[in-house]
């Protein structure tokens, strides 16, 4: 049979550890609440920059295709080429 005082001491130690863990998790949650809006703002900015970059790339490709002219140059511009390996 277990000693009731030893079991009680073990339970109290475990309870104290859990209390510390809960307190640390609550502090982390508070910090995340502070930082989350900042991350959301950065995420929106990143998406806007990516969309602008895609528009610029599409415009550059259209301009390149338009400046190639008619004939052989136009055929090369519209045909995708595979990268050459040395």
C-alpha atoms as a PDB file:
ATOM      1  CA  UNK A   1       0.000   0.000   0.000  1.00  0.00           C
ATOM      2  CA  UNK A   2       1.250   3.532  -0.873  1.00  0.00           C
ATOM      3  CA  UNK A   3       1.937   6.139   1.759  1.00  0.00           C
ATOM      4  CA  UNK A   4      -0.777   8.773   1.486  1.00  0.00           C
ATOM      5  CA  UNK A   5       1.642  11.596   2.332  1.00  0.00           C
ATOM      6  CA  UNK A   6       3.998  10.561  -0.486  1.00  0.00           C
ATOM      7  CA  UNK A   7       1.108  10.408  -2.982  1.00  0.00           C
ATOM      8  CA  UNK A   8      -0.109  13.813  -1.814  1.00  0.00           C
ATOM      9  CA  UNK A   9       3.386  15.292  -2.166  1.00  0.00           C
ATOM     10  CA  UNK A  10       3.691  13.877  -5.722  1.00  0.00           C
ATOM     11  CA  UNK A  11       0.291  15.257  -6.698  1.00  0.00           C
ATOM     12  CA  UNK A  12       1.151  18.698  -5.299  1.00  0.00           C
ATOM     13  CA  UNK A  13       4.440  18.735  -7.213  1.00  0.00           C
ATOM     14  CA  UNK A  14       2.664  17.792 -10.413  1.00  0.00           C
ATOM     15  CA  UNK A  15      -0.018  20.411  -9.745  1.00  0.00           C
ATOM     16  CA  UNK A  16       2.650  23.110  -9.281  1.00  0.00           C
ATOM     17  CA  UNK A  17       4.368  22.089 -12.548  1.00  0.00           C
ATOM     18  CA  UNK A  18       1.080  22.209 -14.423  1.00  0.00           C
ATOM     19  CA  UNK A  19       0.329  25.628 -12.941  1.00  0.00           C
ATOM     20  CA  UNK A  20       3.677  26.962 -14.213  1.00  0.00           C
ATOM     21  CA  UNK A  21       3.053  25.460 -17.654  1.00  0.00           C
ATOM     22  CA  UNK A  22      -0.413  27.022 -17.813  1.00  0.00           C
ATOM     23  CA  UNK A  23       0.997  30.420 -16.822  1.00  0.00           C
ATOM     24  CA  UNK A  24       3.699  30.205 -19.507  1.00  0.00           C
ATOM     25  CA  UNK A  25       1.134  29.228 -22.141  1.00  0.00           C
ATOM     26  CA  UNK A  26      -1.082  32.146 -21.157  1.00  0.00           C
ATOM     27  CA  UNK A  27       1.860  34.552 -21.496  1.00  0.00           C
ATOM     28  CA  UNK A  28       2.699  33.107 -24.905  1.00  0.00           C
ATOM     29  CA  UNK A  29      -0.926  33.474 -25.988  1.00  0.00           C
ATOM     30  CA  UNK A  30      -0.922  37.139 -24.931  1.00  0.00           C
ATOM     31  CA  UNK A  31       2.219  37.813 -26.943  1.00  0.00           C
ATOM     32  CA  UNK A  32       0.750  36.052 -29.962  1.00  0.00           C
ATOM     33  CA  UNK A  33      -2.370  38.200 -29.714  1.00  0.00           C
ATOM     34  CA  UNK A  34      -0.146  41.283 -29.840  1.00  0.00           C
ATOM     35  CA  UNK A  35       1.883  40.049 -32.812  1.00  0.00           C
ATOM     36  CA  UNK A  36      -0.902  38.451 -34.874  1.00  0.00           C
ATOM     37  CA  UNK A  37      -2.250  41.739 -36.310  1.00  0.00           C
ATOM     38  CA  UNK A  38       1.266  42.744 -37.334  1.00  0.00           C
ATOM     39  CA  UNK A  39       1.764  39.433 -39.107  1.00  0.00           C
ATOM     40  CA  UNK A  40      -1.589  39.788 -40.848  1.00  0.00           C
ATOM     41  CA  UNK A  41      -0.608  43.261 -42.087  1.00  0.00           C
ATOM     42  CA  UNK A  42       2.705  41.959 -43.422  1.00  0.00           C
ATOM     43  CA  UNK A  43       0.943  39.042 -45.087  1.00  0.00           C
ATOM     44  CA  UNK A  44      -1.408  41.441 -46.924  1.00  0.00           C
ATOM     45  CA  UNK A  45       1.547  43.583 -48.014  1.00  0.00           C
ATOM     46  CA  UNK A  46       3.414  40.511 -49.261  1.00  0.00           C
ATOM     47  CA  UNK A  47       0.397  39.384 -51.278  1.00  0.00           C
ATOM     48  CA  UNK A  48       0.046  42.849 -52.833  1.00  0.00           C
ATOM     49  CA  UNK A  49       3.731  42.880 -53.793  1.00  0.00           C
ATOM     50  CA  UNK A  50       3.448  39.404 -55.299  1.00  0.00           C
ATOM     51  CA  UNK A  51       0.410  40.422 -57.337  1.00  0.00           C
ATOM     52  CA  UNK A  52       2.225  43.532 -58.591  1.00  0.00           C
ATOM     53  CA  UNK A  53       5.208  41.392 -59.549  1.00  0.00           C
ATOM     54  CA  UNK A  54       2.983  39.024 -61.506  1.00  0.00           C
ATOM     55  CA  UNK A  55       1.413  41.946 -63.375  1.00  0.00           C
ATOM     56  CA  UNK A  56       4.836  43.346 -64.251  1.00  0.00           C
ATOM     57  CA  UNK A  57       6.010  39.948 -65.479  1.00  0.00           C
ATOM     58  CA  UNK A  58       2.900  39.510 -67.616  1.00  0.00           C
ATOM     59  CA  UNK A  59       3.334  43.013 -69.086  1.00  0.00           C
ATOM     60  CA  UNK A  60       7.012  42.379 -69.811  1.00  0.00           C
ATOM     61  CA  UNK A  61       6.229  39.100 -71.560  1.00  0.00           C
ATOM     62  CA  UNK A  62       3.517  40.745 -73.650  1.00  0.00           C
ATOM     63  CA  UNK A  63       5.862  43.583 -74.615  1.00  0.00           C
ATOM     64  CA  UNK A  64       8.598  41.123 -75.537  1.00  0.00           C
ATOM     65  CA  UNK A  65       6.212  39.110 -77.709  1.00  0.00           C
ATOM     66  CA  UNK A  66       4.930  42.293 -79.367  1.00  0.00           C
ATOM     67  CA  UNK A  67       8.413  43.621 -80.114  1.00  0.00           C
ATOM     68  CA  UNK A  68       9.541  40.348 -81.711  1.00  0.00           C
ATOM     69  CA  UNK A  69       7.616  41.273 -84.851  1.00  0.00           C
ATOM     70  CA  UNK A  70       6.335  38.963 -87.558  1.00  0.00           C
ATOM     71  CA  UNK A  71       8.062  36.040 -89.222  1.00  0.00           C
ATOM     72  CA  UNK A  72      10.698  33.820 -87.642  1.00  0.00           C
ATOM     73  CA  UNK A  73      11.120  36.006 -84.539  1.00  0.00           C
ATOM     74  CA  UNK A  74       7.419  35.772 -83.737  1.00  0.00           C
ATOM     75  CA  UNK A  75       7.454  32.004 -84.097  1.00  0.00           C
ATOM     76  CA  UNK A  76      10.369  31.723 -81.653  1.00  0.00           C
ATOM     77  CA  UNK A  77       8.713  34.058 -79.124  1.00  0.00           C
ATOM     78  CA  UNK A  78       5.497  32.045 -79.022  1.00  0.00           C
ATOM     79  CA  UNK A  79       7.190  28.646 -78.880  1.00  0.00           C
ATOM     80  CA  UNK A  80       8.448  27.736 -75.420  1.00  0.00           C
ATOM     81  CA  UNK A  81      12.018  26.518 -75.408  1.00  0.00           C
ATOM     82  CA  UNK A  82      13.546  23.984 -73.073  1.00  0.00           C
ATOM     83  CA  UNK A  83      16.687  24.953 -71.202  1.00  0.00           C
ATOM     84  CA  UNK A  84      19.888  23.759 -72.798  1.00  0.00           C
ATOM     85  CA  UNK A  85      22.259  21.655 -70.750  1.00  0.00           C
ATOM     86  CA  UNK A  86      26.002  22.041 -71.307  1.00  0.00           C
END
